[in-house]
């Protein structure tokens, strides 16, 4: 479970800050190795994987929060 939690964090970083792992080759290797495992790769490529947030998603979230706290 710990490896999957770290992988999810690294994938998040890679999605939003692509250059962040350049100075950390061991972390990049870890991410690549775990991501290439067949069952994990299938999950990551499947519809159940959370997609990267878009600007539209973020604006919608801000509107919801503004409505909740008005």
PDB file of N, CA and C in Angstrom:
ATOM      1  N   UNK A   1       0.824  -1.195   0.000  1.00  0.00           N
ATOM      2  CA  UNK A   1       0.000   0.000   0.000  1.00  0.00           C
ATOM      3  C   UNK A   1       0.867   1.257   0.000  1.00  0.00           C
ATOM      4  N   UNK A   2       1.953   1.220   0.740  1.00  0.00           N
ATOM      5  CA  UNK A   2       2.815   2.397   0.795  1.00  0.00           C
ATOM      6  C   UNK A   2       3.386   2.712  -0.577  1.00  0.00           C
ATOM      7  N   UNK A   3       3.793   1.678  -1.318  1.00  0.00           N
ATOM      8  CA  UNK A   3       4.330   1.900  -2.662  1.00  0.00           C
ATOM      9  C   UNK A   3       3.287   2.547  -3.563  1.00  0.00           C
ATOM     10  N   UNK A   4       2.033   2.114  -3.441  1.00  0.00           N
ATOM     11  CA  UNK A   4       0.975   2.687  -4.275  1.00  0.00           C
ATOM     12  C   UNK A   4       0.682   4.133  -3.896  1.00  0.00           C
ATOM     13  N   UNK A   5       0.758   4.444  -2.616  1.00  0.00           N
ATOM     14  CA  UNK A   5       0.545   5.818  -2.171  1.00  0.00           C
ATOM     15  C   UNK A   5       1.651   6.728  -2.699  1.00  0.00           C
ATOM     16  N   UNK A   6       2.884   6.253  -2.643  1.00  0.00           N
ATOM     17  CA  UNK A   6       4.008   7.034  -3.178  1.00  0.00           C
ATOM     18  C   UNK A   6       3.858   7.177  -4.689  1.00  0.00           C
ATOM     19  N   UNK A   7       3.476   6.090  -5.363  1.00  0.00           N
ATOM     20  CA  UNK A   7       3.278   6.146  -6.811  1.00  0.00           C
ATOM     21  C   UNK A   7       2.231   7.183  -7.171  1.00  0.00           C
ATOM     22  N   UNK A   8       1.106   7.182  -6.468  1.00  0.00           N
ATOM     23  CA  UNK A   8       0.054   8.165  -6.760  1.00  0.00           C
ATOM     24  C   UNK A   8       0.576   9.586  -6.592  1.00  0.00           C
ATOM     25  N   UNK A   9       1.366   9.831  -5.560  1.00  0.00           N
ATOM     26  CA  UNK A   9       1.948  11.162  -5.352  1.00  0.00           C
ATOM     27  C   UNK A   9       2.895  11.537  -6.484  1.00  0.00           C
ATOM     28  N   UNK A  10       3.702  10.582  -6.907  1.00  0.00           N
ATOM     29  CA  UNK A  10       4.641  10.848  -8.003  1.00  0.00           C
ATOM     30  C   UNK A  10       3.912  11.083  -9.319  1.00  0.00           C
ATOM     31  N   UNK A  11       2.846  10.342  -9.559  1.00  0.00           N
ATOM     32  CA  UNK A  11       2.059  10.545 -10.783  1.00  0.00           C
ATOM     33  C   UNK A  11       1.405  11.924 -10.769  1.00  0.00           C
ATOM     34  N   UNK A  12       0.917  12.332  -9.613  1.00  0.00           N
ATOM     35  CA  UNK A  12       0.332  13.665  -9.474  1.00  0.00           C
ATOM     36  C   UNK A  12       1.375  14.732  -9.795  1.00  0.00           C
ATOM     37  N   UNK A  13       2.547  14.589  -9.198  1.00  0.00           N
ATOM     38  CA  UNK A  13       3.630  15.548  -9.466  1.00  0.00           C
ATOM     39  C   UNK A  13       3.968  15.577 -10.954  1.00  0.00           C
ATOM     40  N   UNK A  14       4.043  14.408 -11.547  1.00  0.00           N
ATOM     41  CA  UNK A  14       4.385  14.304 -12.969  1.00  0.00           C
ATOM     42  C   UNK A  14       3.311  14.943 -13.847  1.00  0.00           C
ATOM     43  N   UNK A  15       2.040  14.818 -13.449  1.00  0.00           N
ATOM     44  CA  UNK A  15       0.943  15.426 -14.213  1.00  0.00           C
ATOM     45  C   UNK A  15       0.996  16.945 -14.175  1.00  0.00           C
ATOM     46  N   UNK A  16       1.230  17.511 -13.010  1.00  0.00           N
ATOM     47  CA  UNK A  16       1.129  18.959 -12.826  1.00  0.00           C
ATOM     48  C   UNK A  16       2.470  19.691 -12.878  1.00  0.00           C
ATOM     49  N   UNK A  17       3.549  18.995 -12.606  1.00  0.00           N
ATOM     50  CA  UNK A  17       4.884  19.601 -12.591  1.00  0.00           C
ATOM     51  C   UNK A  17       5.861  18.638 -13.274  1.00  0.00           C
ATOM     52  N   UNK A  18       5.776  18.485 -14.596  1.00  0.00           N
ATOM     53  CA  UNK A  18       6.515  17.429 -15.302  1.00  0.00           C
ATOM     54  C   UNK A  18       8.027  17.416 -15.053  1.00  0.00           C
ATOM     55  N   UNK A  19       8.633  18.533 -14.807  1.00  0.00           N
ATOM     56  CA  UNK A  19      10.087  18.573 -14.646  1.00  0.00           C
ATOM     57  C   UNK A  19      10.545  18.258 -13.222  1.00  0.00           C
ATOM     58  N   UNK A  20       9.605  18.089 -12.293  1.00  0.00           N
ATOM     59  CA  UNK A  20       9.975  17.969 -10.882  1.00  0.00           C
ATOM     60  C   UNK A  20      10.838  16.738 -10.585  1.00  0.00           C
ATOM     61  N   UNK A  21      10.686  15.664 -11.341  1.00  0.00           N
ATOM     62  CA  UNK A  21      11.453  14.446 -11.051  1.00  0.00           C
ATOM     63  C   UNK A  21      12.797  14.384 -11.776  1.00  0.00           C
ATOM     64  N   UNK A  22      13.112  15.377 -12.564  1.00  0.00           N
ATOM     65  CA  UNK A  22      14.369  15.354 -13.319  1.00  0.00           C
ATOM     66  C   UNK A  22      15.602  15.229 -12.424  1.00  0.00           C
ATOM     67  N   UNK A  23      15.556  15.849 -11.277  1.00  0.00           N
ATOM     68  CA  UNK A  23      16.703  15.812 -10.360  1.00  0.00           C
ATOM     69  C   UNK A  23      16.665  14.613  -9.404  1.00  0.00           C
ATOM     70  N   UNK A  24      15.667  13.747  -9.581  1.00  0.00           N
ATOM     71  CA  UNK A  24      15.501  12.598  -8.691  1.00  0.00           C
ATOM     72  C   UNK A  24      15.339  11.319  -9.519  1.00  0.00           C
ATOM     73  N   UNK A  25      16.433  10.843 -10.107  1.00  0.00           N
ATOM     74  CA  UNK A  25      16.339   9.684 -11.003  1.00  0.00           C
ATOM     75  C   UNK A  25      15.813   8.420 -10.324  1.00  0.00           C
ATOM     76  N   UNK A  26      16.099   8.236  -9.051  1.00  0.00           N
ATOM     77  CA  UNK A  26      15.612   7.041  -8.349  1.00  0.00           C
ATOM     78  C   UNK A  26      14.082   7.073  -8.211  1.00  0.00           C
ATOM     79  N   UNK A  27      13.532   8.254  -7.920  1.00  0.00           N
ATOM     80  CA  UNK A  27      12.080   8.365  -7.826  1.00  0.00           C
ATOM     81  C   UNK A  27      11.428   8.164  -9.193  1.00  0.00           C
ATOM     82  N   UNK A  28      12.040   8.715 -10.237  1.00  0.00           N
ATOM     83  CA  UNK A  28      11.523   8.524 -11.589  1.00  0.00           C
ATOM     84  C   UNK A  28      11.576   7.042 -11.966  1.00  0.00           C
ATOM     85  N   UNK A  29      12.658   6.377 -11.632  1.00  0.00           N
ATOM     86  CA  UNK A  29      12.788   4.944 -11.903  1.00  0.00           C
ATOM     87  C   UNK A  29      11.709   4.147 -11.147  1.00  0.00           C
ATOM     88  N   UNK A  30      11.490   4.497  -9.893  1.00  0.00           N
ATOM     89  CA  UNK A  30      10.457   3.851  -9.090  1.00  0.00           C
ATOM     90  C   UNK A  30       9.085   4.030  -9.735  1.00  0.00           C
ATOM     91  N   UNK A  31       8.768   5.268 -10.127  1.00  0.00           N
ATOM     92  CA  UNK A  31       7.484   5.567 -10.775  1.00  0.00           C
ATOM     93  C   UNK A  31       7.329   4.767 -12.059  1.00  0.00           C
ATOM     94  N   UNK A  32       8.359   4.764 -12.880  1.00  0.00           N
ATOM     95  CA  UNK A  32       8.305   4.040 -14.155  1.00  0.00           C
ATOM     96  C   UNK A  32       8.175   2.528 -13.940  1.00  0.00           C
ATOM     97  N   UNK A  33       8.909   2.006 -12.964  1.00  0.00           N
ATOM     98  CA  UNK A  33       8.882   0.558 -12.707  1.00  0.00           C
ATOM     99  C   UNK A  33       7.503   0.120 -12.219  1.00  0.00           C
ATOM    100  N   UNK A  34       6.953   0.833 -11.243  1.00  0.00           N
ATOM    101  CA  UNK A  34       5.634   0.454 -10.744  1.00  0.00           C
ATOM    102  C   UNK A  34       4.550   0.678 -11.790  1.00  0.00           C
ATOM    103  N   UNK A  35       4.645   1.759 -12.534  1.00  0.00           N
ATOM    104  CA  UNK A  35       3.644   2.059 -13.559  1.00  0.00           C
ATOM    105  C   UNK A  35       3.635   1.032 -14.684  1.00  0.00           C
ATOM    106  N   UNK A  36       4.734   0.325 -14.860  1.00  0.00           N
ATOM    107  CA  UNK A  36       4.810  -0.645 -15.954  1.00  0.00           C
ATOM    108  C   UNK A  36       4.339  -2.042 -15.549  1.00  0.00           C
ATOM    109  N   UNK A  37       4.059  -2.257 -14.260  1.00  0.00           N
ATOM    110  CA  UNK A  37       3.525  -3.549 -13.836  1.00  0.00           C
ATOM    111  C   UNK A  37       2.155  -3.745 -14.486  1.00  0.00           C
ATOM    112  N   UNK A  38       1.886  -4.926 -15.036  1.00  0.00           N
ATOM    113  CA  UNK A  38       0.671  -5.123 -15.835  1.00  0.00           C
ATOM    114  C   UNK A  38      -0.639  -4.685 -15.172  1.00  0.00           C
ATOM    115  N   UNK A  39      -0.865  -5.074 -13.938  1.00  0.00           N
ATOM    116  CA  UNK A  39      -2.141  -4.715 -13.293  1.00  0.00           C
ATOM    117  C   UNK A  39      -2.215  -3.232 -12.960  1.00  0.00           C
ATOM    118  N   UNK A  40      -1.106  -2.654 -12.586  1.00  0.00           N
ATOM    119  CA  UNK A  40      -1.095  -1.216 -12.303  1.00  0.00           C
ATOM    120  C   UNK A  40      -1.248  -0.436 -13.603  1.00  0.00           C
ATOM    121  N   UNK A  41      -0.554  -0.856 -14.651  1.00  0.00           N
ATOM    122  CA  UNK A  41      -0.678  -0.196 -15.953  1.00  0.00           C
ATOM    123  C   UNK A  41      -2.127  -0.253 -16.440  1.00  0.00           C
ATOM    124  N   UNK A  42      -2.783  -1.404 -16.276  1.00  0.00           N
ATOM    125  CA  UNK A  42      -4.183  -1.541 -16.688  1.00  0.00           C
ATOM    126  C   UNK A  42      -5.074  -0.564 -15.912  1.00  0.00           C
ATOM    127  N   UNK A  43      -4.824  -0.444 -14.614  1.00  0.00           N
ATOM    128  CA  UNK A  43      -5.594   0.505 -13.803  1.00  0.00           C
ATOM    129  C   UNK A  43      -5.350   1.934 -14.276  1.00  0.00           C
ATOM    130  N   UNK A  44      -4.090   2.286 -14.481  1.00  0.00           N
ATOM    131  CA  UNK A  44      -3.749   3.654 -14.881  1.00  0.00           C
ATOM    132  C   UNK A  44      -4.320   4.015 -16.246  1.00  0.00           C
ATOM    133  N   UNK A  45      -4.451   3.041 -17.122  1.00  0.00           N
ATOM    134  CA  UNK A  45      -4.990   3.291 -18.460  1.00  0.00           C
ATOM    135  C   UNK A  45      -6.505   3.136 -18.527  1.00  0.00           C
ATOM    136  N   UNK A  46      -7.117   2.702 -17.437  1.00  0.00           N
ATOM    137  CA  UNK A  46      -8.551   2.449 -17.423  1.00  0.00           C
ATOM    138  C   UNK A  46      -9.357   3.681 -17.032  1.00  0.00           C
ATOM    139  N   UNK A  47     -10.677   3.548 -17.122  1.00  0.00           N
ATOM    140  CA  UNK A  47     -11.567   4.677 -16.822  1.00  0.00           C
ATOM    141  C   UNK A  47     -11.631   5.034 -15.332  1.00  0.00           C
ATOM    142  N   UNK A  48     -11.205   4.128 -14.466  1.00  0.00           N
ATOM    143  CA  UNK A  48     -11.274   4.381 -13.026  1.00  0.00           C
ATOM    144  C   UNK A  48     -10.169   5.307 -12.530  1.00  0.00           C
ATOM    145  N   UNK A  49      -9.162   5.531 -13.331  1.00  0.00           N
ATOM    146  CA  UNK A  49      -8.053   6.422 -12.952  1.00  0.00           C
ATOM    147  C   UNK A  49      -8.526   7.859 -12.948  1.00  0.00           C
ATOM    148  N   UNK A  50      -8.222   8.562 -11.874  1.00  0.00           N
ATOM    149  CA  UNK A  50      -8.576   9.979 -11.823  1.00  0.00           C
ATOM    150  C   UNK A  50      -7.808  10.712 -12.918  1.00  0.00           C
ATOM    151  N   UNK A  51      -8.522  11.542 -13.648  1.00  0.00           N
ATOM    152  CA  UNK A  51      -7.860  12.300 -14.708  1.00  0.00           C
ATOM    153  C   UNK A  51      -7.295  13.604 -14.144  1.00  0.00           C
ATOM    154  N   UNK A  52      -6.421  14.204 -14.895  1.00  0.00           N
ATOM    155  CA  UNK A  52      -5.827  15.474 -14.502  1.00  0.00           C
ATOM    156  C   UNK A  52      -6.919  16.545 -14.504  1.00  0.00           C
ATOM    157  N   UNK A  53      -6.927  17.389 -13.486  1.00  0.00           N
ATOM    158  CA  UNK A  53      -7.906  18.462 -13.409  1.00  0.00           C
ATOM    159  C   UNK A  53      -7.631  19.502 -14.491  1.00  0.00           C
ATOM    160  N   UNK A  54      -8.701  20.016 -15.064  1.00  0.00           N
ATOM    161  CA  UNK A  54      -8.586  21.082 -16.049  1.00  0.00           C
ATOM    162  C   UNK A  54      -8.868  22.416 -15.362  1.00  0.00           C
ATOM    163  N   UNK A  55      -8.613  23.503 -16.063  1.00  0.00           N
ATOM    164  CA  UNK A  55      -8.939  24.821 -15.517  1.00  0.00           C
ATOM    165  C   UNK A  55     -10.441  24.918 -15.244  1.00  0.00           C
ATOM    166  N   UNK A  56     -11.236  24.306 -16.113  1.00  0.00           N
ATOM    167  CA  UNK A  56     -12.689  24.300 -15.935  1.00  0.00           C
ATOM    168  C   UNK A  56     -13.078  23.585 -14.634  1.00  0.00           C
ATOM    169  N   UNK A  57     -12.428  22.464 -14.351  1.00  0.00           N
ATOM    170  CA  UNK A  57     -12.682  21.737 -13.100  1.00  0.00           C
ATOM    171  C   UNK A  57     -12.369  22.605 -11.889  1.00  0.00           C
ATOM    172  N   UNK A  58     -11.258  23.299 -11.953  1.00  0.00           N
ATOM    173  CA  UNK A  58     -10.824  24.140 -10.832  1.00  0.00           C
ATOM    174  C   UNK A  58     -11.794  25.296 -10.621  1.00  0.00           C
ATOM    175  N   UNK A  59     -12.231  25.937 -11.714  1.00  0.00           N
ATOM    176  CA  UNK A  59     -13.200  27.030 -11.596  1.00  0.00           C
ATOM    177  C   UNK A  59     -14.521  26.533 -11.014  1.00  0.00           C
ATOM    178  N   UNK A  60     -14.949  25.353 -11.442  1.00  0.00           N
ATOM    179  CA  UNK A  60     -16.181  24.775 -10.906  1.00  0.00           C
ATOM    180  C   UNK A  60     -16.031  24.522  -9.402  1.00  0.00           C
ATOM    181  N   UNK A  61     -14.904  23.963  -8.996  1.00  0.00           N
ATOM    182  CA  UNK A  61     -14.655  23.725  -7.575  1.00  0.00           C
ATOM    183  C   UNK A  61     -14.682  25.006  -6.763  1.00  0.00           C
ATOM    184  N   UNK A  62     -14.108  26.061  -7.313  1.00  0.00           N
ATOM    185  CA  UNK A  62     -14.115  27.357  -6.621  1.00  0.00           C
ATOM    186  C   UNK A  62     -15.537  27.886  -6.466  1.00  0.00           C
ATOM    187  N   UNK A  63     -16.362  27.705  -7.511  1.00  0.00           N
ATOM    188  CA  UNK A  63     -17.757  28.157  -7.434  1.00  0.00           C
ATOM    189  C   UNK A  63     -18.515  27.376  -6.371  1.00  0.00           C
ATOM    190  N   UNK A  64     -18.302  26.080  -6.313  1.00  0.00           N
ATOM    191  CA  UNK A  64     -18.968  25.246  -5.313  1.00  0.00           C
ATOM    192  C   UNK A  64     -18.553  25.676  -3.909  1.00  0.00           C
ATOM    193  N   UNK A  65     -17.272  25.881  -3.707  1.00  0.00           N
ATOM    194  CA  UNK A  65     -16.797  26.306  -2.382  1.00  0.00           C
ATOM    195  C   UNK A  65     -17.341  27.685  -2.013  1.00  0.00           C
ATOM    196  N   UNK A  66     -17.388  28.602  -2.985  1.00  0.00           N
ATOM    197  CA  UNK A  66     -17.939  29.933  -2.721  1.00  0.00           C
ATOM    198  C   UNK A  66     -19.407  29.830  -2.325  1.00  0.00           C
ATOM    199  N   UNK A  67     -20.155  28.961  -2.997  1.00  0.00           N
ATOM    200  CA  UNK A  67     -21.565  28.757  -2.675  1.00  0.00           C
ATOM    201  C   UNK A  67     -21.719  28.162  -1.276  1.00  0.00           C
ATOM    202  N   UNK A  68     -20.872  27.176  -0.947  1.00  0.00           N
ATOM    203  CA  UNK A  68     -20.969  26.538   0.363  1.00  0.00           C
ATOM    204  C   UNK A  68     -20.684  27.492   1.515  1.00  0.00           C
ATOM    205  N   UNK A  69     -19.789  28.425   1.294  1.00  0.00           N
ATOM    206  CA  UNK A  69     -19.343  29.309   2.384  1.00  0.00           C
ATOM    207  C   UNK A  69     -19.898  30.723   2.284  1.00  0.00           C
ATOM    208  N   UNK A  70     -20.989  30.885   1.550  1.00  0.00           N
ATOM    209  CA  UNK A  70     -21.574  32.232   1.448  1.00  0.00           C
ATOM    210  C   UNK A  70     -22.393  32.596   2.668  1.00  0.00           C
TER     211      UNK A  70
END
